[in-house]
Amino acid sequence: MLEDVGRELVDSAFQVHTALGPGLMESAYEACLHHELSQRGLVVERQKALPVMYKGLQLDAGYRLDLLIEGQVVVELKAV
């Protein structure tokens, strides 16, 4: 299952980059990749909060995952 998610992710990222090309903001790629993955039947969460655990204390340190696919794969997008 995890390998299948990885294959779908790589193919989806390629499709998005081919369609949009370089030079856009990360948020544009994120929205399109979310759409592409969702169209393939995957459960994808955008901007998922990730608390930090410190000495048994849960801290909301403002961490956000760009995409979380099927509750297993974390995607952090970078556009340069």
C-alpha atoms as a PDB file:
ATOM      1  CA  MET A   1       0.000   0.000   0.000  1.00  0.00           C
ATOM      2  CA  LEU A   2       2.721   2.502   0.953  1.00  0.00           C
ATOM      3  CA  GLU A   3       4.627   1.791  -2.265  1.00  0.00           C
ATOM      4  CA  ASP A   4       1.424   2.362  -4.249  1.00  0.00           C
ATOM      5  CA  VAL A   5       0.970   5.740  -2.547  1.00  0.00           C
ATOM      6  CA  GLY A   6       4.570   6.621  -3.391  1.00  0.00           C
ATOM      7  CA  ARG A   7       4.071   5.754  -7.056  1.00  0.00           C
ATOM      8  CA  GLU A   8       0.877   7.814  -7.238  1.00  0.00           C
ATOM      9  CA  LEU A   9       2.609  10.736  -5.527  1.00  0.00           C
ATOM     10  CA  VAL A  10       5.576  10.774  -7.904  1.00  0.00           C
ATOM     11  CA  ASP A  11       3.356  10.466 -10.967  1.00  0.00           C
ATOM     12  CA  SER A  12       0.991  13.157  -9.688  1.00  0.00           C
ATOM     13  CA  ALA A  13       3.868  15.544  -8.943  1.00  0.00           C
ATOM     14  CA  PHE A  14       5.203  14.971 -12.456  1.00  0.00           C
ATOM     15  CA  GLN A  15       1.765  15.674 -13.953  1.00  0.00           C
ATOM     16  CA  VAL A  16       1.391  18.901 -11.969  1.00  0.00           C
ATOM     17  CA  HIS A  17       4.871  20.147 -12.821  1.00  0.00           C
ATOM     18  CA  THR A  18       4.407  19.295 -16.498  1.00  0.00           C
ATOM     19  CA  ALA A  19       1.107  21.180 -16.616  1.00  0.00           C
ATOM     20  CA  LEU A  20       2.184  24.243 -14.610  1.00  0.00           C
ATOM     21  CA  GLY A  21       5.912  24.494 -15.231  1.00  0.00           C
ATOM     22  CA  PRO A  22       8.299  26.293 -12.883  1.00  0.00           C
ATOM     23  CA  GLY A  23       7.986  29.661 -11.184  1.00  0.00           C
ATOM     24  CA  LEU A  24       4.714  29.575  -9.238  1.00  0.00           C
ATOM     25  CA  MET A  25       4.144  29.900  -5.515  1.00  0.00           C
ATOM     26  CA  GLU A  26       4.184  26.721  -3.429  1.00  0.00           C
ATOM     27  CA  SER A  27       0.495  27.182  -2.625  1.00  0.00           C
ATOM     28  CA  ALA A  28      -0.438  26.786  -6.307  1.00  0.00           C
ATOM     29  CA  TYR A  29       1.489  23.518  -6.616  1.00  0.00           C
ATOM     30  CA  GLU A  30       0.006  22.348  -3.312  1.00  0.00           C
ATOM     31  CA  ALA A  31      -3.575  22.969  -4.447  1.00  0.00           C
ATOM     32  CA  CYS A  32      -3.017  21.236  -7.787  1.00  0.00           C
ATOM     33  CA  LEU A  33      -1.193  18.275  -6.250  1.00  0.00           C
ATOM     34  CA  HIS A  34      -3.982  17.901  -3.685  1.00  0.00           C
ATOM     35  CA  HIS A  35      -6.528  17.857  -6.498  1.00  0.00           C
ATOM     36  CA  GLU A  36      -4.529  15.377  -8.595  1.00  0.00           C
ATOM     37  CA  LEU A  37      -4.044  12.965  -5.686  1.00  0.00           C
ATOM     38  CA  SER A  38      -7.694  13.252  -4.632  1.00  0.00           C
ATOM     39  CA  GLN A  39      -8.812  12.489  -8.195  1.00  0.00           C
ATOM     40  CA  ARG A  40      -6.808   9.265  -7.922  1.00  0.00           C
ATOM     41  CA  GLY A  41      -8.858   8.247  -4.907  1.00  0.00           C
ATOM     42  CA  LEU A  42      -6.297   8.990  -2.205  1.00  0.00           C
ATOM     43  CA  VAL A  43      -7.185  10.636   1.103  1.00  0.00           C
ATOM     44  CA  VAL A  44      -5.163  13.846   1.263  1.00  0.00           C
ATOM     45  CA  GLU A  45      -5.130  16.458   4.033  1.00  0.00           C
ATOM     46  CA  ARG A  46      -3.757  19.953   3.424  1.00  0.00           C
ATOM     47  CA  GLN A  47      -1.998  22.089   6.035  1.00  0.00           C
ATOM     48  CA  LYS A  48      -2.376  19.436   8.729  1.00  0.00           C
ATOM     49  CA  ALA A  49      -1.348  20.733  12.167  1.00  0.00           C
ATOM     50  CA  LEU A  50       1.503  18.828  13.803  1.00  0.00           C
ATOM     51  CA  PRO A  51       1.922  19.460  17.530  1.00  0.00           C
ATOM     52  CA  VAL A  52       5.296  19.114  19.226  1.00  0.00           C
ATOM     53  CA  MET A  53       5.588  16.813  22.245  1.00  0.00           C
ATOM     54  CA  TYR A  54       8.034  18.069  24.886  1.00  0.00           C
ATOM     55  CA  LYS A  55       8.406  16.278  28.224  1.00  0.00           C
ATOM     56  CA  GLY A  56       4.852  14.986  28.023  1.00  0.00           C
ATOM     57  CA  LEU A  57       3.450  18.396  27.104  1.00  0.00           C
ATOM     58  CA  GLN A  58       1.743  18.924  23.764  1.00  0.00           C
ATOM     59  CA  LEU A  59       2.727  22.276  22.285  1.00  0.00           C
ATOM     60  CA  ASP A  60       1.089  23.921  19.318  1.00  0.00           C
ATOM     61  CA  ALA A  61       4.292  25.254  17.788  1.00  0.00           C
ATOM     62  CA  GLY A  62       2.688  26.161  14.491  1.00  0.00           C
ATOM     63  CA  TYR A  63       4.082  23.249  12.496  1.00  0.00           C
ATOM     64  CA  ARG A  64       1.977  22.390   9.477  1.00  0.00           C
ATOM     65  CA  LEU A  65       2.402  19.567   7.010  1.00  0.00           C
ATOM     66  CA  ASP A  66       1.807  20.717   3.438  1.00  0.00           C
ATOM     67  CA  LEU A  67       0.139  17.414   2.566  1.00  0.00           C
ATOM     68  CA  LEU A  68      -0.546  14.211   4.473  1.00  0.00           C
ATOM     69  CA  ILE A  69      -1.477  11.341   2.175  1.00  0.00           C
ATOM     70  CA  GLU A  70      -3.449   8.378   3.506  1.00  0.00           C
ATOM     71  CA  GLY A  71      -2.311   9.316   7.037  1.00  0.00           C
ATOM     72  CA  GLN A  72       1.124   7.887   6.219  1.00  0.00           C
ATOM     73  CA  VAL A  73       3.102  10.003   3.757  1.00  0.00           C
ATOM     74  CA  VAL A  74       4.192  13.558   4.563  1.00  0.00           C
ATOM     75  CA  VAL A  75       4.814  15.905   1.638  1.00  0.00           C
ATOM     76  CA  GLU A  76       6.696  19.152   2.167  1.00  0.00           C
ATOM     77  CA  LEU A  77       6.603  21.188  -1.045  1.00  0.00           C
ATOM     78  CA  LYS A  78       9.394  23.520  -2.089  1.00  0.00           C
ATOM     79  CA  ALA A  79       9.395  25.825  -5.080  1.00  0.00           C
ATOM     80  CA  VAL A  80      12.627  27.464  -6.113  1.00  0.00           C
END
